[in-house]
All heavy atoms as atom14 arrays in JSON, in Angstrom:
{
  "sequence": "TRPIHATAIRVAKARGLKVHVFEEGYLRPYWVTYERNGA",
  "atom14_mask": [
    [1, 1, 1, 1, 1, 1, 1, 0, 0, 0, 0, 0, 0, 0],
    [1, 1, 1, 1, 1, 1, 1, 1, 1, 1, 1, 0, 0, 0],
    [1, 1, 1, 1, 1, 1, 1, 0, 0, 0, 0, 0, 0, 0],
    [1, 1, 1, 1, 1, 1, 1, 1, 0, 0, 0, 0, 0, 0],
    [1, 1, 1, 1, 1, 1, 1, 1, 1, 1, 0, 0, 0, 0],
    [1, 1, 1, 1, 1, 0, 0, 0, 0, 0, 0, 0, 0, 0],
    [1, 1, 1, 1, 1, 1, 1, 0, 0, 0, 0, 0, 0, 0],
    [1, 1, 1, 1, 1, 0, 0, 0, 0, 0, 0, 0, 0, 0],
    [1, 1, 1, 1, 1, 1, 1, 1, 0, 0, 0, 0, 0, 0],
    [1, 1, 1, 1, 1, 1, 1, 1, 1, 1, 1, 0, 0, 0],
    [1, 1, 1, 1, 1, 1, 1, 0, 0, 0, 0, 0, 0, 0],
    [1, 1, 1, 1, 1, 0, 0, 0, 0, 0, 0, 0, 0, 0],
    [1, 1, 1, 1, 1, 1, 1, 1, 1, 0, 0, 0, 0, 0],
    [1, 1, 1, 1, 1, 0, 0, 0, 0, 0, 0, 0, 0, 0],
    [1, 1, 1, 1, 1, 1, 1, 1, 1, 1, 1, 0, 0, 0],
    [1, 1, 1, 1, 0, 0, 0, 0, 0, 0, 0, 0, 0, 0],
    [1, 1, 1, 1, 1, 1, 1, 1, 0, 0, 0, 0, 0, 0],
    [1, 1, 1, 1, 1, 1, 1, 1, 1, 0, 0, 0, 0, 0],
    [1, 1, 1, 1, 1, 1, 1, 0, 0, 0, 0, 0, 0, 0],
    [1, 1, 1, 1, 1, 1, 1, 1, 1, 1, 0, 0, 0, 0],
    [1, 1, 1, 1, 1, 1, 1, 0, 0, 0, 0, 0, 0, 0],
    [1, 1, 1, 1, 1, 1, 1, 1, 1, 1, 1, 0, 0, 0],
    [1, 1, 1, 1, 1, 1, 1, 1, 1, 0, 0, 0, 0, 0],
    [1, 1, 1, 1, 1, 1, 1, 1, 1, 0, 0, 0, 0, 0],
    [1, 1, 1, 1, 0, 0, 0, 0, 0, 0, 0, 0, 0, 0],
    [1, 1, 1, 1, 1, 1, 1, 1, 1, 1, 1, 1, 0, 0],
    [1, 1, 1, 1, 1, 1, 1, 1, 0, 0, 0, 0, 0, 0],
    [1, 1, 1, 1, 1, 1, 1, 1, 1, 1, 1, 0, 0, 0],
    [1, 1, 1, 1, 1, 1, 1, 0, 0, 0, 0, 0, 0, 0],
    [1, 1, 1, 1, 1, 1, 1, 1, 1, 1, 1, 1, 0, 0],
    [1, 1, 1, 1, 1, 1, 1, 1, 1, 1, 1, 1, 1, 1],
    [1, 1, 1, 1, 1, 1, 1, 0, 0, 0, 0, 0, 0, 0],
    [1, 1, 1, 1, 1, 1, 1, 0, 0, 0, 0, 0, 0, 0],
    [1, 1, 1, 1, 1, 1, 1, 1, 1, 1, 1, 1, 0, 0],
    [1, 1, 1, 1, 1, 1, 1, 1, 1, 0, 0, 0, 0, 0],
    [1, 1, 1, 1, 1, 1, 1, 1, 1, 1, 1, 0, 0, 0],
    [1, 1, 1, 1, 1, 1, 1, 1, 0, 0, 0, 0, 0, 0],
    [1, 1, 1, 1, 0, 0, 0, 0, 0, 0, 0, 0, 0, 0],
    [1, 1, 1, 1, 1, 0, 0, 0, 0, 0, 0, 0, 0, 0]
  ],
  "atom14_positions": [
    [[0.66, -5.47, 4.83], [0.24, -6.7, 5.49], [0.29, -6.65, 7.02], [-0.4, -7.43, 7.67], [1.11, -7.9, 5.04], [2.48, -7.64, 5.37], [0.96, -8.12, 3.54], [0.0, 0.0, 0.0], [0.0, 0.0, 0.0], [0.0, 0.0, 0.0], [0.0, 0.0, 0.0], [0.0, 0.0, 0.0], [0.0, 0.0, 0.0], [0.0, 0.0, 0.0]],
    [[1.09, -5.75, 7.61], [1.12, -5.7, 9.07], [-0.27, -5.34, 9.58], [-1.0, -4.57, 8.92], [2.19, -4.73, 9.57], [1.96, -3.28, 9.22], [3.16, -2.41, 9.58], [4.32, -2.68, 8.75], [5.47, -2.02, 8.83], [5.62, -1.04, 9.72], [6.48, -2.33, 8.03], [0.0, 0.0, 0.0], [0.0, 0.0, 0.0], [0.0, 0.0, 0.0]],
    [[-0.69, -5.89, 10.71], [-2.1, -5.78, 11.14], [-2.65, -4.35, 11.18], [-3.78, -4.12, 10.75], [-2.09, -6.42, 12.52], [-0.98, -7.44, 12.45], [0.08, -6.79, 11.61], [0.0, 0.0, 0.0], [0.0, 0.0, 0.0], [0.0, 0.0, 0.0], [0.0, 0.0, 0.0], [0.0, 0.0, 0.0], [0.0, 0.0, 0.0], [0.0, 0.0, 0.0]],
    [[-1.88, -3.39, 11.7], [-2.41, -2.03, 11.78], [-2.65, -1.44, 10.4], [-3.59, -0.67, 10.18], [-1.49, -1.1, 12.61], [-0.07, -1.09, 12.03], [-1.5, -1.48, 14.07], [0.86, -0.09, 12.71], [0.0, 0.0, 0.0], [0.0, 0.0, 0.0], [0.0, 0.0, 0.0], [0.0, 0.0, 0.0], [0.0, 0.0, 0.0], [0.0, 0.0, 0.0]],
    [[-1.83, -1.83, 9.43], [-2.01, -1.33, 8.07], [-3.14, -2.05, 7.36], [-3.91, -1.43, 6.61], [-0.71, -1.48, 7.28], [0.34, -0.49, 7.66], [1.61, -0.48, 7.12], [0.31, 0.55, 8.54], [2.31, 0.52, 7.64], [1.53, 1.15, 8.52], [0.0, 0.0, 0.0], [0.0, 0.0, 0.0], [0.0, 0.0, 0.0], [0.0, 0.0, 0.0]],
    [[-3.25, -3.35, 7.57], [-4.35, -4.1, 6.94], [-5.7, -3.55, 7.41], [-6.63, -3.38, 6.6], [-4.22, -5.58, 7.27], [0.0, 0.0, 0.0], [0.0, 0.0, 0.0], [0.0, 0.0, 0.0], [0.0, 0.0, 0.0], [0.0, 0.0, 0.0], [0.0, 0.0, 0.0], [0.0, 0.0, 0.0], [0.0, 0.0, 0.0], [0.0, 0.0, 0.0]],
    [[-5.81, -3.27, 8.7], [-7.05, -2.68, 9.23], [-7.31, -1.31, 8.61], [-8.43, -0.99, 8.2], [-6.97, -2.56, 10.76], [-6.83, -3.85, 11.33], [-8.2, -1.87, 11.32], [0.0, 0.0, 0.0], [0.0, 0.0, 0.0], [0.0, 0.0, 0.0], [0.0, 0.0, 0.0], [0.0, 0.0, 0.0], [0.0, 0.0, 0.0], [0.0, 0.0, 0.0]],
    [[-6.26, -0.49, 8.55], [-6.41, 0.86, 8.01], [-6.83, 0.85, 6.55], [-7.67, 1.65, 6.12], [-5.11, 1.63, 8.18], [0.0, 0.0, 0.0], [0.0, 0.0, 0.0], [0.0, 0.0, 0.0], [0.0, 0.0, 0.0], [0.0, 0.0, 0.0], [0.0, 0.0, 0.0], [0.0, 0.0, 0.0], [0.0, 0.0, 0.0], [0.0, 0.0, 0.0]],
    [[-6.27, -0.05, 5.77], [-6.62, -0.14, 4.35], [-8.08, -0.55, 4.2], [-8.82, 0.01, 3.37], [-5.69, -1.13, 3.63], [-4.27, -0.56, 3.55], [-6.21, -1.45, 2.23], [-3.23, -1.53, 3.03], [0.0, 0.0, 0.0], [0.0, 0.0, 0.0], [0.0, 0.0, 0.0], [0.0, 0.0, 0.0], [0.0, 0.0, 0.0], [0.0, 0.0, 0.0]],
    [[-8.51, -1.51, 4.99], [-9.91, -1.95, 4.91], [-10.85, -0.79, 5.23], [-11.84, -0.56, 4.52], [-10.13, -3.11, 5.89], [-11.6, -3.56, 5.98], [-11.72, -4.81, 6.83], [-11.11, -4.7, 8.13], [-11.64, -4.07, 9.18], [-12.82, -3.45, 9.05], [-11.01, -4.03, 10.34], [0.0, 0.0, 0.0], [0.0, 0.0, 0.0], [0.0, 0.0, 0.0]],
    [[-10.55, -0.04, 6.28], [-11.4, 1.09, 6.68], [-11.36, 2.19, 5.61], [-12.4, 2.75, 5.23], [-10.94, 1.65, 8.04], [-11.68, 2.96, 8.36], [-11.17, 0.63, 9.14], [0.0, 0.0, 0.0], [0.0, 0.0, 0.0], [0.0, 0.0, 0.0], [0.0, 0.0, 0.0], [0.0, 0.0, 0.0], [0.0, 0.0, 0.0], [0.0, 0.0, 0.0]],
    [[-10.16, 2.48, 5.09], [-10.03, 3.54, 4.09], [-10.77, 3.2, 2.81], [-11.45, 4.06, 2.22], [-8.54, 3.78, 3.8], [0.0, 0.0, 0.0], [0.0, 0.0, 0.0], [0.0, 0.0, 0.0], [0.0, 0.0, 0.0], [0.0, 0.0, 0.0], [0.0, 0.0, 0.0], [0.0, 0.0, 0.0], [0.0, 0.0, 0.0], [0.0, 0.0, 0.0]],
    [[-10.68, 1.97, 2.36], [-11.38, 1.57, 1.13], [-12.89, 1.65, 1.3], [-13.61, 2.05, 0.38], [-10.96, 0.15, 0.73], [-9.55, 0.06, 0.15], [-9.24, -1.36, -0.27], [-7.87, -1.46, -0.91], [-7.55, -2.86, -1.31], [0.0, 0.0, 0.0], [0.0, 0.0, 0.0], [0.0, 0.0, 0.0], [0.0, 0.0, 0.0], [0.0, 0.0, 0.0]],
    [[-13.38, 1.27, 2.5], [-14.81, 1.33, 2.75], [-15.33, 2.77, 2.71], [-16.5, 3.01, 2.39], [-15.13, 0.7, 4.11], [0.0, 0.0, 0.0], [0.0, 0.0, 0.0], [0.0, 0.0, 0.0], [0.0, 0.0, 0.0], [0.0, 0.0, 0.0], [0.0, 0.0, 0.0], [0.0, 0.0, 0.0], [0.0, 0.0, 0.0], [0.0, 0.0, 0.0]],
    [[-14.43, 3.74, 2.99], [-14.82, 5.14, 2.98], [-14.51, 5.83, 1.64], [-14.73, 7.03, 1.5], [-14.09, 5.87, 4.12], [-14.45, 5.35, 5.5], [-13.48, 5.9, 6.54], [-13.64, 7.31, 6.78], [-14.27, 7.86, 7.81], [-14.83, 7.08, 8.73], [-14.34, 9.16, 7.95], [0.0, 0.0, 0.0], [0.0, 0.0, 0.0], [0.0, 0.0, 0.0]],
    [[-13.94, 5.07, 0.71], [-13.62, 5.64, -0.59], [-12.38, 6.51, -0.61], [-12.21, 7.35, -1.51], [0.0, 0.0, 0.0], [0.0, 0.0, 0.0], [0.0, 0.0, 0.0], [0.0, 0.0, 0.0], [0.0, 0.0, 0.0], [0.0, 0.0, 0.0], [0.0, 0.0, 0.0], [0.0, 0.0, 0.0], [0.0, 0.0, 0.0], [0.0, 0.0, 0.0]],
    [[-11.47, 6.32, 0.35], [-10.23, 7.11, 0.39], [-9.19, 6.52, -0.56], [-9.21, 5.33, -0.86], [-9.67, 7.13, 1.81], [-10.6, 7.57, 2.94], [-9.83, 7.66, 4.25], [-11.25, 8.91, 2.62], [0.0, 0.0, 0.0], [0.0, 0.0, 0.0], [0.0, 0.0, 0.0], [0.0, 0.0, 0.0], [0.0, 0.0, 0.0], [0.0, 0.0, 0.0]],
    [[-8.27, 7.35, -0.99], [-7.14, 6.87, -1.77], [-6.12, 6.23, -0.83], [-5.83, 6.78, 0.25], [-6.48, 8.0, -2.54], [-7.32, 8.59, -3.66], [-6.57, 9.73, -4.34], [-7.43, 10.4, -5.41], [-6.74, 11.57, -5.99], [0.0, 0.0, 0.0], [0.0, 0.0, 0.0], [0.0, 0.0, 0.0], [0.0, 0.0, 0.0], [0.0, 0.0, 0.0]],
    [[-5.58, 5.1, -1.22], [-4.58, 4.4, -0.41], [-3.29, 4.33, -1.21], [-3.24, 3.75, -2.3], [-5.05, 2.98, -0.04], [-3.97, 2.27, 0.78], [-6.37, 3.04, 0.74], [0.0, 0.0, 0.0], [0.0, 0.0, 0.0], [0.0, 0.0, 0.0], [0.0, 0.0, 0.0], [0.0, 0.0, 0.0], [0.0, 0.0, 0.0], [0.0, 0.0, 0.0]],
    [[-2.23, 4.95, -0.68], [-0.92, 4.99, -1.33], [0.0, 4.02, -0.6], [0.32, 4.21, 0.58], [-0.33, 6.4, -1.26], [-1.26, 7.48, -1.78], [-1.21, 7.94, -3.08], [-2.27, 8.17, -1.17], [-2.13, 8.88, -3.25], [-2.79, 9.04, -2.11], [0.0, 0.0, 0.0], [0.0, 0.0, 0.0], [0.0, 0.0, 0.0], [0.0, 0.0, 0.0]],
    [[0.44, 2.97, -1.3], [1.26, 1.94, -0.69], [2.67, 2.0, -1.26], [2.88, 1.9, -2.47], [0.67, 0.53, -0.93], [1.56, -0.54, -0.27], [-0.75, 0.45, -0.38], [0.0, 0.0, 0.0], [0.0, 0.0, 0.0], [0.0, 0.0, 0.0], [0.0, 0.0, 0.0], [0.0, 0.0, 0.0], [0.0, 0.0, 0.0], [0.0, 0.0, 0.0]],
    [[3.65, 2.16, -0.37], [5.05, 2.07, -0.75], [5.59, 0.7, -0.34], [5.16, 0.12, 0.66], [5.87, 3.16, -0.06], [5.66, 4.54, -0.64], [4.69, 5.37, -0.12], [6.44, 4.99, -1.69], [4.47, 6.64, -0.65], [6.24, 6.25, -2.23], [5.26, 7.08, -1.7], [0.0, 0.0, 0.0], [0.0, 0.0, 0.0], [0.0, 0.0, 0.0]],
    [[6.54, 0.21, -1.11], [7.16, -1.07, -0.81], [8.53, -1.08, -1.48], [8.81, -0.25, -2.36], [6.27, -2.22, -1.34], [6.72, -3.62, -1.02], [6.92, -3.86, 0.47], [8.05, -3.58, 0.92], [5.99, -4.32, 1.15], [0.0, 0.0, 0.0], [0.0, 0.0, 0.0], [0.0, 0.0, 0.0], [0.0, 0.0, 0.0], [0.0, 0.0, 0.0]],
    [[9.4, -2.0, -1.05], [10.67, -2.14, -1.75], [10.38, -2.47, -3.21], [9.36, -3.05, -3.55], [11.5, -3.26, -1.11], [11.8, -3.06, 0.36], [12.67, -1.85, 0.66], [13.39, -1.39, -0.26], [12.65, -1.36, 1.81], [0.0, 0.0, 0.0], [0.0, 0.0, 0.0], [0.0, 0.0, 0.0], [0.0, 0.0, 0.0], [0.0, 0.0, 0.0]],
    [[11.3, -2.1, -4.1], [11.04, -2.2, -5.52], [10.86, -3.62, -6.02], [11.54, -4.54, -5.57], [0.0, 0.0, 0.0], [0.0, 0.0, 0.0], [0.0, 0.0, 0.0], [0.0, 0.0, 0.0], [0.0, 0.0, 0.0], [0.0, 0.0, 0.0], [0.0, 0.0, 0.0], [0.0, 0.0, 0.0], [0.0, 0.0, 0.0], [0.0, 0.0, 0.0]],
    [[9.94, -3.79, -6.96], [9.86, -5.07, -7.67], [11.11, -5.27, -8.53], [11.53, -6.39, -8.78], [8.63, -5.11, -8.58], [7.3, -5.01, -7.86], [6.22, -4.35, -8.44], [7.11, -5.57, -6.59], [4.99, -4.26, -7.8], [5.89, -5.47, -5.94], [4.84, -4.8, -6.55], [3.63, -4.71, -5.9], [0.0, 0.0, 0.0], [0.0, 0.0, 0.0]],
    [[11.65, -4.16, -9.0], [12.88, -4.18, -9.81], [13.98, -3.5, -8.99], [14.24, -2.31, -9.15], [12.65, -3.45, -11.14], [11.53, -3.99, -12.02], [11.32, -3.1, -13.23], [11.81, -5.42, -12.45], [0.0, 0.0, 0.0], [0.0, 0.0, 0.0], [0.0, 0.0, 0.0], [0.0, 0.0, 0.0], [0.0, 0.0, 0.0], [0.0, 0.0, 0.0]],
    [[14.59, -4.25, -8.1], [15.63, -3.68, -7.25], [16.98, -3.8, -7.95], [17.15, -4.63, -8.84], [15.66, -4.43, -5.91], [14.37, -4.36, -5.13], [14.51, -5.01, -3.78], [13.2, -5.38, -3.25], [13.01, -6.02, -2.11], [14.03, -6.35, -1.36], [11.8, -6.32, -1.7], [0.0, 0.0, 0.0], [0.0, 0.0, 0.0], [0.0, 0.0, 0.0]],
    [[17.95, -2.99, -7.5], [17.92, -2.1, -6.35], [17.68, -0.64, -6.69], [17.82, 0.23, -5.84], [19.35, -2.27, -5.8], [20.17, -2.45, -7.04], [19.32, -3.21, -8.01], [0.0, 0.0, 0.0], [0.0, 0.0, 0.0], [0.0, 0.0, 0.0], [0.0, 0.0, 0.0], [0.0, 0.0, 0.0], [0.0, 0.0, 0.0], [0.0, 0.0, 0.0]],
    [[17.34, -0.32, -7.93], [17.32, 1.08, -8.35], [15.94, 1.73, -8.34], [15.8, 2.9, -8.64], [17.94, 1.2, -9.74], [19.3, 0.56, -9.84], [19.57, -0.39, -10.82], [20.31, 0.87, -8.93], [20.82, -0.99, -10.91], [21.55, 0.28, -9.0], [21.81, -0.65, -9.99], [23.04, -1.24, -10.07], [0.0, 0.0, 0.0], [0.0, 0.0, 0.0]],
    [[14.91, 0.96, -8.03], [13.55, 1.49, -8.0], [12.88, 1.1, -6.68], [13.26, 0.12, -6.03], [12.71, 0.9, -9.14], [13.07, 1.35, -10.51], [12.58, 2.43, -11.19], [13.99, 0.72, -11.42], [13.13, 2.51, -12.44], [14.0, 1.47, -12.61], [14.81, -0.41, -11.32], [14.8, 1.15, -13.7], [15.61, -0.74, -12.4], [15.6, 0.02, -13.57]],
    [[11.85, 1.86, -6.31], [10.95, 1.46, -5.23], [9.57, 1.29, -5.85], [9.29, 1.78, -6.95], [10.9, 2.48, -4.08], [12.28, 2.77, -3.53], [10.23, 3.77, -4.51], [0.0, 0.0, 0.0], [0.0, 0.0, 0.0], [0.0, 0.0, 0.0], [0.0, 0.0, 0.0], [0.0, 0.0, 0.0], [0.0, 0.0, 0.0], [0.0, 0.0, 0.0]],
    [[8.72, 0.58, -5.13], [7.36, 0.34, -5.61], [6.41, 1.36, -5.01], [6.43, 1.6, -3.79], [6.91, -1.08, -5.24], [7.72, -2.03, -5.94], [5.45, -1.32, -5.62], [0.0, 0.0, 0.0], [0.0, 0.0, 0.0], [0.0, 0.0, 0.0], [0.0, 0.0, 0.0], [0.0, 0.0, 0.0], [0.0, 0.0, 0.0], [0.0, 0.0, 0.0]],
    [[5.59, 1.95, -5.86], [4.49, 2.81, -5.41], [3.24, 2.37, -6.16], [3.19, 2.42, -7.39], [4.79, 4.29, -5.71], [3.55, 5.16, -5.6], [3.02, 5.46, -4.35], [2.91, 5.63, -6.73], [1.86, 6.23, -4.25], [1.77, 6.4, -6.64], [1.24, 6.7, -5.39], [0.1, 7.44, -5.28], [0.0, 0.0, 0.0], [0.0, 0.0, 0.0]],
    [[2.24, 1.93, -5.41], [0.98, 1.5, -6.01], [-0.19, 2.03, -5.2], [-0.07, 2.31, -4.01], [0.9, -0.03, -6.07], [1.89, -0.67, -7.04], [1.49, -2.08, -7.4], [0.64, -2.25, -8.28], [2.03, -3.03, -6.78], [0.0, 0.0, 0.0], [0.0, 0.0, 0.0], [0.0, 0.0, 0.0], [0.0, 0.0, 0.0], [0.0, 0.0, 0.0]],
    [[-1.32, 2.11, -5.84], [-2.56, 2.44, -5.15], [-3.22, 1.15, -4.66], [-3.29, 0.17, -5.4], [-3.52, 3.19, -6.09], [-3.0, 4.53, -6.61], [-3.16, 5.64, -5.59], [-2.66, 6.92, -6.11], [-3.42, 7.83, -6.71], [-4.7, 7.61, -6.92], [-2.89, 8.98, -7.12], [0.0, 0.0, 0.0], [0.0, 0.0, 0.0], [0.0, 0.0, 0.0]],
    [[-3.67, 1.16, -3.43], [-4.53, 0.11, -2.84], [-3.82, -1.16, -2.37], [-4.34, -1.85, -1.5], [-5.67, -0.27, -3.78], [-6.58, 0.91, -4.06], [-6.91, 1.67, -3.16], [-6.98, 1.08, -5.32], [0.0, 0.0, 0.0], [0.0, 0.0, 0.0], [0.0, 0.0, 0.0], [0.0, 0.0, 0.0], [0.0, 0.0, 0.0], [0.0, 0.0, 0.0]],
    [[-2.66, -1.51, -2.91], [-2.0, -2.72, -2.44], [-0.76, -3.03, -3.24], [-0.6, -2.58, -4.38], [0.0, 0.0, 0.0], [0.0, 0.0, 0.0], [0.0, 0.0, 0.0], [0.0, 0.0, 0.0], [0.0, 0.0, 0.0], [0.0, 0.0, 0.0], [0.0, 0.0, 0.0], [0.0, 0.0, 0.0], [0.0, 0.0, 0.0], [0.0, 0.0, 0.0]],
    [[0.16, -3.82, -2.63], [1.4, -4.2, -3.29], [1.62, -5.7, -3.12], [0.9, -6.38, -2.39], [2.58, -3.42, -2.71], [0.0, 0.0, 0.0], [0.0, 0.0, 0.0], [0.0, 0.0, 0.0], [0.0, 0.0, 0.0], [0.0, 0.0, 0.0], [0.0, 0.0, 0.0], [0.0, 0.0, 0.0], [0.0, 0.0, 0.0], [0.0, 0.0, 0.0]]
  ]
}
């Protein structure tokens, strides 16, 4: 969601690139979140 990342995701998707998004885990504290394209 931070502006530099939001811009980068928009540009990457328009070019057909894979977008790997890390985030704190949905099931904390023992996991982290890894998703393609958005979290």
